[in-house]
Amino acid sequence: MTANSDRFLSAFGSIEHYLRTLTGEPKRTRFYTLVDKAAETNAAVRRYADDLKEFADLRNAIIHERTDEHVIAEPNDMAVRQIEHIQHLLEHPPRVIPVFQKPVLSMQAVDPIAAAAYAMLTHNYSQLPIYDGPDFSGLLTTESIARWLGRCAPQSLVNLEAVTIAEVLACHCAQAGRNYRFFSREDTVFTALEAFQSCEQCGQRLDAILITEHGGEAESLLGIITIWDVPRIYETMEERIGAEV
């Protein structure tokens, strides 16, 4: 065995142990089955399922030796780096906190829409969490403001200081529905990425993921992930956008 083979088999063994622990499957369970079983509940495994199965094929080629004791296949440097990287991500998946921990500006539903629009312009925000006292009311977006203004266009001039955020939200919710999700601080960036992707595939719009301690709407906000943060999710996983095949 060479150094590359040793490193590859060590990482593969760690991944296999992790999958068995995650699924509770016995040692006789095939690796492909372990991957499929774990993928049912684990977003990171789902993301790398095809890679893991290819690694299993390479592992089988490595451990079956020829009669002259030379291995049939030898992993190159890239394969070793890749499996070690995936091993690390599976065993230590990046959490949404602290990656996306930040102060989150919010406003009250009774505030005038003029104040919200000015705050979004000043801070260059596209989304703004809105509360009715301590209760979460919805997510105000630049798109929802634009749609509301469009509905007002045929009417007389609108006094933006007299219109509340609640009125604009009511118009948006009637047209677009829920455009946000709440995550706990322990959720992973893999789950966050899947949330944006699944909504896009279903033709829905997910503007932001709001992060609290346990994922409850009544809890204080710890951070936010917007659609514009998706590139940072890929960076966290050390992948280029579009690198998947």
Foldseek 3Di string as FASTA:
>chain_A
DDPQLVLLVVLLVLVQVLLCVQQVDDPVDDPLVSLVRNVVPDLLSVVCSVVNVVSVVVNVQQVDADPVRHGRDGDDPVNSVVSNLSSCCSVPPAFCPPVFFDDAAAEEQQFFVVVVVVVCVVVVHQWHFYAHVLFTDAIDGPVLVVVVVVVCVVDPDDDRRPHTNNVSVVVCCVPANHQEFEAARRHGLSVVLVVCVVCVVVVHHRAKYWYAHHRDRSGDTRGMDGPVCNCVSCVVSPHHVVPDD
